[in-house]
Amino acid sequence: MRFRHVPEVWADHPTLSAGVLVVDGVSGAAEVDEAVGGYVRRALTMLADGPVSALPQIQAWRRTFAAMGLKPTQYRCAAESLLRRLGKDGTLPRIHPLVDLCNAASAAAAIPVAVLDRDRVKGDLEVRYAHGDETYATFAGEVEHPAAGEVIFADEAGQAHARRWTYKQSGASVVRPETREVLIVAEALHPGAAADVEALLTALAADLARAWPAARIPSAPAMLTSTAPVAKLTG
């Protein structure tokens, strides 16, 4: 299995930076409170310095969403949604130790992070423009069809595992209690994004290793570029 962004996405979004971690051996039983708390405190400090909309990471995604014909105040990238929820509630929802950790890290970096159950991805996974016939499973169990031209995470079976790029993940590959093998993806478009994505995923790998010491976790992420756009999905 491989993960990649198609050449058209790189061409249309030349400031894109992306990285992945492939992790085997996670479970729903792990202690992540200390790491999550540290990330949440960092995010709250960042929010105290100014509005979410002023962050360069969020501004870059807003410009990208607007260029795709989406209202940035209606469709917010995952990191912006997390930060706004954190600013309102003072905390983030707890779902699963792995998801909680990745959400908190995403908020602290203001960079979207996707976590997918690899067992539920059929064949290769690529970030590409939708053809219009793909299927997307909502968390409520409904099936949608992304509009042609929409940026999606698509597998070889025609499943869309994310709609509108970093806006919302699919219920098909959501992390569950029985999930053991995952793909973690971080993407950003702001100046200096490559270093920020690599730092985010490197820190996250260390947190994962502490929480799941028996899991197979790379010490560093695989960074993707337009000239090296493919990552093999093996642990």
Protein backbone atom coordinates (compact mmCIF):
# COMPACT_ATOMS: atom_id res chain seq x y z
CA MET A 1 0.00 0.00 0.00
CA ARG A 2 1.15 3.51 -0.82
CA PHE A 3 0.10 7.06 0.07
CA ARG A 4 0.64 10.00 -2.24
CA HIS A 5 -0.65 13.32 -3.52
CA VAL A 6 -1.24 13.27 -7.27
CA PRO A 7 0.93 15.58 -9.41
CA GLU A 8 -2.02 17.90 -10.11
CA VAL A 9 -2.39 18.64 -6.39
CA TRP A 10 1.31 19.47 -6.06
CA ALA A 11 1.13 21.66 -9.16
CA ASP A 12 -1.93 23.55 -7.97
CA HIS A 13 -0.63 23.96 -4.41
CA PRO A 14 3.14 24.46 -4.65
CA THR A 15 3.50 25.52 -1.00
CA LEU A 16 2.13 22.16 0.22
CA SER A 17 4.19 20.26 2.78
CA ALA A 18 3.15 16.80 3.96
CA GLY A 19 4.46 14.04 6.17
CA VAL A 20 3.28 10.64 7.33
CA LEU A 21 3.79 8.18 10.17
CA VAL A 22 2.90 4.51 9.73
CA VAL A 23 2.26 2.86 13.09
CA ASP A 24 1.51 -0.79 13.90
CA GLY A 25 0.44 -2.16 17.28
CA VAL A 26 -1.66 0.59 18.84
CA SER A 27 -4.65 -0.16 21.05
CA GLY A 28 -7.40 1.62 22.91
CA ALA A 29 -5.56 1.19 26.21
CA ALA A 30 -2.80 3.74 26.74
CA GLU A 31 -1.97 6.63 29.05
CA VAL A 32 -1.72 9.88 27.11
CA ASP A 33 -3.00 12.45 29.64
CA GLU A 34 0.39 14.08 30.24
CA ALA A 35 1.18 14.49 26.56
CA VAL A 36 -2.34 15.66 25.70
CA GLY A 37 -2.25 18.15 28.58
CA GLY A 38 1.04 19.59 27.37
CA TYR A 39 -0.27 20.11 23.86
CA VAL A 40 -3.52 21.63 25.10
CA ARG A 41 -1.62 24.12 27.28
CA ARG A 42 0.49 25.14 24.28
CA ALA A 43 -2.61 25.61 22.17
CA LEU A 44 -4.34 27.69 24.85
CA THR A 45 -1.27 29.91 25.16
CA MET A 46 -1.31 30.40 21.39
CA LEU A 47 -5.01 31.28 21.49
CA ALA A 48 -4.38 33.84 24.22
CA ASP A 49 -2.04 35.71 21.87
CA GLY A 50 -4.69 36.41 19.23
CA PRO A 51 -7.59 35.04 17.18
CA VAL A 52 -7.39 31.68 15.40
CA SER A 53 -7.95 33.42 12.06
CA ALA A 54 -4.68 35.36 12.48
CA LEU A 55 -2.48 32.27 12.64
CA PRO A 56 -0.42 31.88 9.44
CA GLN A 57 -1.14 28.14 9.37
CA ILE A 58 -4.90 28.78 9.39
CA GLN A 59 -4.70 31.71 6.98
CA ALA A 60 -2.98 29.48 4.43
CA TRP A 61 -5.74 26.87 4.63
CA ARG A 62 -8.42 29.57 4.44
CA ARG A 63 -6.88 30.91 1.23
CA THR A 64 -6.74 27.38 -0.17
CA PHE A 65 -10.35 26.63 0.73
CA ALA A 66 -11.46 29.91 -0.84
CA ALA A 67 -9.54 29.04 -4.02
CA MET A 68 -11.41 25.73 -4.11
CA GLY A 69 -14.73 27.60 -3.99
CA LEU A 70 -15.45 26.89 -0.31
CA LYS A 71 -16.45 29.56 2.19
CA PRO A 72 -13.61 29.52 4.76
CA THR A 73 -16.01 30.44 7.56
CA GLN A 74 -18.34 27.56 6.66
CA TYR A 75 -15.77 24.88 5.89
CA ARG A 76 -12.86 25.05 8.32
CA CYS A 77 -9.80 22.85 8.19
CA ALA A 78 -9.64 20.27 10.98
CA ALA A 79 -7.02 22.21 12.95
CA GLU A 80 -9.07 25.39 12.95
CA SER A 81 -12.16 23.48 14.11
CA LEU A 82 -10.19 21.97 17.00
CA LEU A 83 -8.76 25.33 18.04
CA ARG A 84 -12.15 27.00 17.97
CA ARG A 85 -13.63 24.23 20.08
CA LEU A 86 -10.73 24.49 22.50
CA GLY A 87 -11.13 28.25 22.74
CA LYS A 88 -14.82 27.85 23.50
CA ASP A 89 -14.73 24.87 25.89
CA GLY A 90 -11.21 25.11 27.30
CA THR A 91 -10.67 21.44 26.51
CA LEU A 92 -10.89 18.91 23.68
CA PRO A 93 -13.23 15.89 23.52
CA ARG A 94 -11.74 12.54 24.52
CA ILE A 95 -12.45 9.81 21.97
CA HIS A 96 -9.60 7.28 21.84
CA PRO A 97 -6.06 7.66 23.24
CA LEU A 98 -4.52 7.82 19.77
CA VAL A 99 -7.09 10.25 18.40
CA ASP A 100 -6.89 12.37 21.56
CA LEU A 101 -3.12 12.62 21.23
CA CYS A 102 -3.20 13.50 17.54
CA ASN A 103 -5.99 16.05 18.00
CA ALA A 104 -4.10 17.78 20.79
CA ALA A 105 -0.88 17.84 18.75
CA SER A 106 -2.82 19.19 15.77
CA ALA A 107 -4.27 22.01 17.86
CA ALA A 108 -0.88 22.93 19.36
CA ALA A 109 0.70 23.17 15.90
CA ALA A 110 -2.40 24.57 14.14
CA ILE A 111 -1.77 21.93 11.47
CA PRO A 112 -4.40 19.37 10.36
CA VAL A 113 -3.61 15.78 11.32
CA ALA A 114 -5.55 12.82 9.92
CA VAL A 115 -5.51 9.39 11.59
CA LEU A 116 -6.82 6.49 9.50
CA ASP A 117 -7.33 2.81 10.28
CA ARG A 118 -5.20 1.21 7.54
CA ASP A 119 -7.17 -2.05 7.61
CA ARG A 120 -10.15 -0.13 6.26
CA VAL A 121 -8.29 1.46 3.37
CA LYS A 122 -8.50 -0.62 0.20
CA GLY A 123 -5.27 -0.58 -1.78
CA ASP A 124 -3.30 2.61 -2.34
CA LEU A 125 -4.50 5.91 -0.89
CA GLU A 126 -4.04 9.18 -2.73
CA VAL A 127 -4.98 12.81 -2.32
CA ARG A 128 -6.60 13.73 -5.62
CA TYR A 129 -9.49 15.49 -7.26
CA ALA A 130 -12.79 13.58 -7.04
CA HIS A 131 -14.36 12.14 -10.16
CA GLY A 132 -17.83 12.42 -8.62
CA ASP A 133 -18.61 8.72 -8.29
CA GLU A 134 -16.65 8.01 -5.09
CA THR A 135 -18.46 7.08 -1.87
CA TYR A 136 -17.99 8.86 1.44
CA ALA A 137 -19.39 7.42 4.68
CA THR A 138 -20.46 10.00 7.25
CA PHE A 139 -20.13 9.36 10.98
CA ALA A 140 -23.92 8.95 11.03
CA GLY A 141 -23.68 6.07 8.56
CA GLU A 142 -25.01 7.95 5.54
CA VAL A 143 -23.31 7.72 2.14
CA GLU A 144 -22.38 10.83 0.18
CA HIS A 145 -20.73 11.38 -3.17
CA PRO A 146 -18.07 14.12 -3.27
CA ALA A 147 -18.54 16.63 -6.05
CA ALA A 148 -16.31 16.25 -9.08
CA GLY A 149 -13.17 18.31 -8.59
CA GLU A 150 -13.30 18.22 -4.79
CA VAL A 151 -10.00 17.28 -3.10
CA ILE A 152 -10.38 13.93 -1.35
CA PHE A 153 -8.36 11.07 0.15
CA ALA A 154 -9.35 8.23 -2.21
CA ASP A 155 -8.51 4.52 -2.12
CA GLU A 156 -8.56 2.03 -4.97
CA ALA A 157 -12.11 0.91 -4.12
CA GLY A 158 -13.43 4.42 -4.70
CA GLN A 159 -13.88 5.22 -1.02
CA ALA A 160 -13.29 8.83 -0.03
CA HIS A 161 -11.65 8.82 3.40
CA ALA A 162 -11.71 12.62 3.68
CA ARG A 163 -13.79 15.31 1.96
CA ARG A 164 -12.80 18.85 1.04
CA TRP A 165 -9.18 17.96 1.75
CA THR A 166 -8.63 18.58 5.47
CA TYR A 167 -12.21 19.46 6.33
CA LYS A 168 -13.67 16.16 7.51
CA GLN A 169 -12.60 12.51 7.71
CA SER A 170 -14.80 9.57 6.77
CA GLY A 171 -16.51 7.27 9.22
CA ALA A 172 -15.23 4.33 7.18
CA SER A 173 -11.63 4.51 8.43
CA VAL A 174 -12.14 6.16 11.80
CA VAL A 175 -10.02 4.75 14.64
CA ARG A 176 -11.97 2.20 16.69
CA PRO A 177 -11.19 0.22 19.87
CA GLU A 178 -10.06 -2.70 17.70
CA THR A 179 -7.80 -0.57 15.47
CA ARG A 180 -4.19 -1.78 15.43
CA GLU A 181 -2.58 -0.30 12.28
CA VAL A 182 -2.84 3.39 11.44
CA LEU A 183 -1.66 5.99 8.99
CA ILE A 184 -1.09 9.47 10.42
CA VAL A 185 -0.91 12.34 7.90
CA ALA A 186 -0.07 15.99 8.55
CA GLU A 187 -0.32 18.67 5.85
CA ALA A 188 0.33 22.41 5.81
CA LEU A 189 0.69 25.25 3.32
CA HIS A 190 2.11 28.21 5.26
CA PRO A 191 5.67 29.59 4.99
CA GLY A 192 8.02 27.26 6.86
CA ALA A 193 5.47 24.45 6.72
CA ALA A 194 7.95 21.66 5.92
CA ALA A 195 9.92 22.20 9.13
CA ASP A 196 6.74 22.57 11.18
CA VAL A 197 5.17 19.38 9.81
CA GLU A 198 8.36 17.40 10.41
CA ALA A 199 8.68 18.75 13.96
CA LEU A 200 5.04 17.97 14.71
CA LEU A 201 5.26 14.38 13.50
CA THR A 202 8.67 13.75 15.10
CA ALA A 203 7.33 14.86 18.49
CA LEU A 204 4.19 12.83 17.96
CA ALA A 205 6.24 9.71 17.17
CA ALA A 206 8.06 10.10 20.49
CA ASP A 207 4.74 10.48 22.33
CA LEU A 208 3.38 7.38 20.60
CA ALA A 209 6.45 5.36 21.54
CA ARG A 210 5.99 6.25 25.20
CA ALA A 211 2.28 5.46 25.15
CA TRP A 212 2.55 2.22 23.14
CA PRO A 213 6.06 0.87 23.85
CA ALA A 214 5.37 -2.43 22.09
CA ALA A 215 4.16 -0.79 18.88
CA ARG A 216 6.25 -0.36 15.73
CA ILE A 217 6.71 3.39 15.40
CA PRO A 218 9.23 5.20 13.18
CA SER A 219 11.45 7.69 14.98
CA ALA A 220 11.00 10.18 12.16
CA PRO A 221 8.24 10.83 9.64
CA ALA A 222 8.38 10.24 5.91
CA MET A 223 8.27 13.69 4.35
CA LEU A 224 6.63 14.02 0.95
CA THR A 225 7.49 16.50 -1.80
CA SER A 226 6.50 17.03 -5.41
CA THR A 227 9.65 15.16 -6.48
CA ALA A 228 9.31 12.41 -3.83
CA PRO A 229 5.54 12.20 -3.44
CA VAL A 230 5.04 8.54 -2.40
CA ALA A 231 5.18 6.87 1.03
CA LYS A 232 4.88 3.09 1.45
CA LEU A 233 2.24 2.16 4.05
CA THR A 234 4.26 -0.40 5.97
CA GLY A 235 5.22 -0.35 9.62
